[in-house]
Amino acid sequence: MRDQFPFAVARVTRRWRKMLDERLKDLGVTQARWSTMVYLDKGGEGLTQRELASLMAIENPTLVRLLDSWKSRV
């Protein structure tokens, strides 16, 4: 049972993101963009890209791709 726990958490996470993406679709926002906005708000002014990636627990290149895709839509 314990060895299945990480997989169960991963399934719940995927379902959560999918449901959230569906709810945010009309606003033109995804879960990834929404969480970026939340972390930017929490981080305050002067937050560096590296600090933002660390807060979000993602790699810097992942954040770059996310921000670039967001910029192209705005």
C-alpha atoms as a PDB file:
ATOM      1  CA  MET A   1       0.000   0.000   0.000  1.00  0.00           C
ATOM      2  CA  ARG A   2       2.758   2.477   0.921  1.00  0.00           C
ATOM      3  CA  ASP A   3       4.526   1.946  -2.377  1.00  0.00           C
ATOM      4  CA  GLN A   4       1.352   3.025  -4.198  1.00  0.00           C
ATOM      5  CA  PHE A   5       1.002   6.314  -2.312  1.00  0.00           C
ATOM      6  CA  PRO A   6       3.242   8.426  -4.594  1.00  0.00           C
ATOM      7  CA  PHE A   7       1.317   7.195  -7.623  1.00  0.00           C
ATOM      8  CA  ALA A   8      -2.013   8.034  -5.988  1.00  0.00           C
ATOM      9  CA  VAL A   9      -0.768  11.536  -5.193  1.00  0.00           C
ATOM     10  CA  ALA A  10       0.388  11.966  -8.794  1.00  0.00           C
ATOM     11  CA  ARG A  11      -3.055  10.900 -10.095  1.00  0.00           C
ATOM     12  CA  VAL A  12      -4.840  13.319  -7.765  1.00  0.00           C
ATOM     13  CA  THR A  13      -2.485  16.119  -8.834  1.00  0.00           C
ATOM     14  CA  ARG A  14      -3.144  15.473 -12.533  1.00  0.00           C
ATOM     15  CA  ARG A  15      -6.898  15.408 -11.944  1.00  0.00           C
ATOM     16  CA  TRP A  16      -6.722  18.625  -9.915  1.00  0.00           C
ATOM     17  CA  ARG A  17      -4.813  20.412 -12.688  1.00  0.00           C
ATOM     18  CA  LYS A  18      -7.186  19.127 -15.349  1.00  0.00           C
ATOM     19  CA  MET A  19     -10.261  20.267 -13.396  1.00  0.00           C
ATOM     20  CA  LEU A  20      -8.704  23.632 -12.632  1.00  0.00           C
ATOM     21  CA  ASP A  21      -7.727  24.136 -16.281  1.00  0.00           C
ATOM     22  CA  GLU A  22     -11.342  23.427 -17.292  1.00  0.00           C
ATOM     23  CA  ARG A  23     -12.650  25.965 -14.773  1.00  0.00           C
ATOM     24  CA  LEU A  24     -10.157  28.642 -15.823  1.00  0.00           C
ATOM     25  CA  LYS A  25     -10.504  28.059 -19.587  1.00  0.00           C
ATOM     26  CA  ASP A  26     -13.081  30.842 -20.069  1.00  0.00           C
ATOM     27  CA  LEU A  27     -10.643  33.303 -18.492  1.00  0.00           C
ATOM     28  CA  GLY A  28      -7.839  32.222 -20.818  1.00  0.00           C
ATOM     29  CA  VAL A  29      -5.767  31.072 -17.848  1.00  0.00           C
ATOM     30  CA  THR A  30      -4.292  27.672 -17.042  1.00  0.00           C
ATOM     31  CA  GLN A  31      -3.388  26.232 -13.671  1.00  0.00           C
ATOM     32  CA  ALA A  32       0.279  26.921 -14.420  1.00  0.00           C
ATOM     33  CA  ARG A  33      -0.365  30.570 -15.269  1.00  0.00           C
ATOM     34  CA  TRP A  34      -2.692  31.018 -12.302  1.00  0.00           C
ATOM     35  CA  SER A  35      -0.143  29.583  -9.870  1.00  0.00           C
ATOM     36  CA  THR A  36       2.559  31.809 -11.398  1.00  0.00           C
ATOM     37  CA  MET A  37       0.403  34.862 -10.729  1.00  0.00           C
ATOM     38  CA  VAL A  38      -0.163  33.722  -7.134  1.00  0.00           C
ATOM     39  CA  TYR A  39       3.556  33.232  -6.529  1.00  0.00           C
ATOM     40  CA  LEU A  40       4.369  36.577  -8.143  1.00  0.00           C
ATOM     41  CA  ASP A  41       1.893  38.245  -5.802  1.00  0.00           C
ATOM     42  CA  LYS A  42       3.330  36.456  -2.758  1.00  0.00           C
ATOM     43  CA  GLY A  43       6.917  37.184  -3.769  1.00  0.00           C
ATOM     44  CA  GLY A  44       6.412  40.914  -4.060  1.00  0.00           C
ATOM     45  CA  GLU A  45       8.396  43.441  -6.046  1.00  0.00           C
ATOM     46  CA  GLY A  46      12.003  42.698  -6.834  1.00  0.00           C
ATOM     47  CA  LEU A  47      11.459  38.943  -7.069  1.00  0.00           C
ATOM     48  CA  THR A  48      14.005  37.467  -9.458  1.00  0.00           C
ATOM     49  CA  GLN A  49      13.206  34.792 -12.002  1.00  0.00           C
ATOM     50  CA  ARG A  50      15.396  32.337 -10.110  1.00  0.00           C
ATOM     51  CA  GLU A  51      13.589  33.118  -6.839  1.00  0.00           C
ATOM     52  CA  LEU A  52      10.209  32.687  -8.535  1.00  0.00           C
ATOM     53  CA  ALA A  53      11.232  29.306  -9.943  1.00  0.00           C
ATOM     54  CA  SER A  54      12.419  28.260  -6.491  1.00  0.00           C
ATOM     55  CA  LEU A  55       9.147  29.364  -4.871  1.00  0.00           C
ATOM     56  CA  MET A  56       7.196  27.398  -7.461  1.00  0.00           C
ATOM     57  CA  ALA A  57       9.468  24.349  -7.039  1.00  0.00           C
ATOM     58  CA  ILE A  58      10.206  24.218 -10.774  1.00  0.00           C
ATOM     59  CA  GLU A  59      13.391  24.494 -12.779  1.00  0.00           C
ATOM     60  CA  ASN A  60      14.350  27.870 -14.230  1.00  0.00           C
ATOM     61  CA  PRO A  61      14.033  26.705 -17.885  1.00  0.00           C
ATOM     62  CA  THR A  62      10.491  25.507 -17.133  1.00  0.00           C
ATOM     63  CA  LEU A  63       9.628  28.944 -15.781  1.00  0.00           C
ATOM     64  CA  VAL A  64      11.164  30.595 -18.846  1.00  0.00           C
ATOM     65  CA  ARG A  65       8.954  28.504 -21.161  1.00  0.00           C
ATOM     66  CA  LEU A  66       5.906  29.291 -19.036  1.00  0.00           C
ATOM     67  CA  LEU A  67       6.598  33.032 -19.023  1.00  0.00           C
ATOM     68  CA  ASP A  68       7.400  33.070 -22.751  1.00  0.00           C
ATOM     69  CA  SER A  69       4.150  31.299 -23.610  1.00  0.00           C
ATOM     70  CA  TRP A  70       2.255  33.684 -21.348  1.00  0.00           C
ATOM     71  CA  LYS A  71       3.923  36.738 -22.927  1.00  0.00           C
ATOM     72  CA  SER A  72       2.941  35.594 -26.402  1.00  0.00           C
ATOM     73  CA  ARG A  73      -0.725  35.433 -25.354  1.00  0.00           C
ATOM     74  CA  VAL A  74      -0.868  38.833 -23.651  1.00  0.00           C
END
